[in-house]
Amino acid sequence: MQQTIIILGISLIIMGLIWPIIRKIPFGQFPGDFVFQSGNFSFFFPIVTCILLSLALSVLFNIFR
């Protein structure tokens, strides 16, 4: 449990450091991601992005298991 929390913390630090680079990648704008805009209200539900991210993380965790 402690090792998992440490790895999670280190990965969050790394993601925070490389965030300016990641933000430029057009990830999260796939066909199938729902965007609803009305006046001052906007709702974004990235269902396809979530599915792709889930698949990628599943493969990654199975490789490093």
C-alpha atoms as a PDB file:
ATOM      1  CA  MET A   1       0.000   0.000   0.000  1.00  0.00           C
ATOM      2  CA  GLN A   2       2.769   2.423   0.901  1.00  0.00           C
ATOM      3  CA  GLN A   3       4.656   1.671  -2.290  1.00  0.00           C
ATOM      4  CA  THR A   4       1.518   2.336  -4.344  1.00  0.00           C
ATOM      5  CA  ILE A   5       1.014   5.738  -2.726  1.00  0.00           C
ATOM      6  CA  ILE A   6       4.668   6.657  -3.302  1.00  0.00           C
ATOM      7  CA  ILE A   7       4.499   5.617  -6.970  1.00  0.00           C
ATOM      8  CA  LEU A   8       1.244   7.541  -7.403  1.00  0.00           C
ATOM      9  CA  GLY A   9       2.794  10.647  -5.839  1.00  0.00           C
ATOM     10  CA  ILE A  10       5.905  10.458  -7.996  1.00  0.00           C
ATOM     11  CA  SER A  11       3.822   9.981 -11.143  1.00  0.00           C
ATOM     12  CA  LEU A  12       1.681  13.016 -10.246  1.00  0.00           C
ATOM     13  CA  ILE A  13       4.829  15.110  -9.776  1.00  0.00           C
ATOM     14  CA  ILE A  14       6.177  13.956 -13.143  1.00  0.00           C
ATOM     15  CA  MET A  15       2.848  14.686 -14.851  1.00  0.00           C
ATOM     16  CA  GLY A  16       2.832  18.155 -13.297  1.00  0.00           C
ATOM     17  CA  LEU A  17       6.321  18.861 -14.584  1.00  0.00           C
ATOM     18  CA  ILE A  18       5.561  17.802 -18.156  1.00  0.00           C
ATOM     19  CA  TRP A  19       2.036  19.303 -18.224  1.00  0.00           C
ATOM     20  CA  PRO A  20       2.986  22.228 -20.536  1.00  0.00           C
ATOM     21  CA  ILE A  21       4.114  19.700 -23.160  1.00  0.00           C
ATOM     22  CA  ILE A  22       1.112  17.402 -22.681  1.00  0.00           C
ATOM     23  CA  ARG A  23      -1.342  20.291 -22.948  1.00  0.00           C
ATOM     24  CA  LYS A  24      -0.249  20.979 -26.545  1.00  0.00           C
ATOM     25  CA  ILE A  25      -1.222  17.442 -27.645  1.00  0.00           C
ATOM     26  CA  PRO A  26      -4.784  17.470 -29.023  1.00  0.00           C
ATOM     27  CA  PHE A  27      -5.821  14.640 -26.679  1.00  0.00           C
ATOM     28  CA  GLY A  28      -9.421  14.904 -25.530  1.00  0.00           C
ATOM     29  CA  GLN A  29     -10.897  16.166 -28.771  1.00  0.00           C
ATOM     30  CA  PHE A  30     -11.917  12.861 -30.311  1.00  0.00           C
ATOM     31  CA  PRO A  31     -15.114  12.234 -32.236  1.00  0.00           C
ATOM     32  CA  GLY A  32     -17.566  10.895 -29.671  1.00  0.00           C
ATOM     33  CA  ASP A  33     -16.576  13.329 -26.919  1.00  0.00           C
ATOM     34  CA  PHE A  34     -19.739  15.212 -26.027  1.00  0.00           C
ATOM     35  CA  VAL A  35     -19.647  19.011 -25.880  1.00  0.00           C
ATOM     36  CA  PHE A  36     -22.775  20.959 -24.975  1.00  0.00           C
ATOM     37  CA  GLN A  37     -22.705  24.757 -24.984  1.00  0.00           C
ATOM     38  CA  SER A  38     -25.616  27.031 -24.201  1.00  0.00           C
ATOM     39  CA  GLY A  39     -25.145  30.677 -23.341  1.00  0.00           C
ATOM     40  CA  ASN A  40     -22.811  30.912 -20.337  1.00  0.00           C
ATOM     41  CA  PHE A  41     -22.965  27.160 -19.689  1.00  0.00           C
ATOM     42  CA  SER A  42     -20.729  24.547 -21.261  1.00  0.00           C
ATOM     43  CA  PHE A  43     -20.526  20.833 -20.500  1.00  0.00           C
ATOM     44  CA  PHE A  44     -17.763  18.547 -21.769  1.00  0.00           C
ATOM     45  CA  PHE A  45     -17.960  14.762 -21.342  1.00  0.00           C
ATOM     46  CA  PRO A  46     -14.933  13.005 -22.908  1.00  0.00           C
ATOM     47  CA  ILE A  47     -16.340   9.454 -23.139  1.00  0.00           C
ATOM     48  CA  VAL A  48     -14.076   8.299 -26.007  1.00  0.00           C
ATOM     49  CA  THR A  49     -11.021   9.821 -24.335  1.00  0.00           C
ATOM     50  CA  CYS A  50     -11.869   7.984 -21.112  1.00  0.00           C
ATOM     51  CA  ILE A  51     -12.220   4.680 -22.957  1.00  0.00           C
ATOM     52  CA  LEU A  52      -8.902   5.109 -24.785  1.00  0.00           C
ATOM     53  CA  LEU A  53      -7.127   6.162 -21.596  1.00  0.00           C
ATOM     54  CA  SER A  54      -8.571   3.169 -19.756  1.00  0.00           C
ATOM     55  CA  LEU A  55      -7.367   0.791 -22.469  1.00  0.00           C
ATOM     56  CA  ALA A  56      -3.892   2.325 -22.525  1.00  0.00           C
ATOM     57  CA  LEU A  57      -3.547   2.158 -18.735  1.00  0.00           C
ATOM     58  CA  SER A  58      -4.803  -1.438 -18.657  1.00  0.00           C
ATOM     59  CA  VAL A  59      -2.188  -2.477 -21.193  1.00  0.00           C
ATOM     60  CA  LEU A  60       0.525  -0.574 -19.358  1.00  0.00           C
ATOM     61  CA  PHE A  61      -0.350  -2.058 -15.964  1.00  0.00           C
ATOM     62  CA  ASN A  62      -0.487  -5.571 -17.429  1.00  0.00           C
ATOM     63  CA  ILE A  63       2.946  -5.119 -18.973  1.00  0.00           C
ATOM     64  CA  PHE A  64       4.525  -3.926 -15.714  1.00  0.00           C
ATOM     65  CA  ARG A  65       2.692  -6.336 -13.421  1.00  0.00           C
END
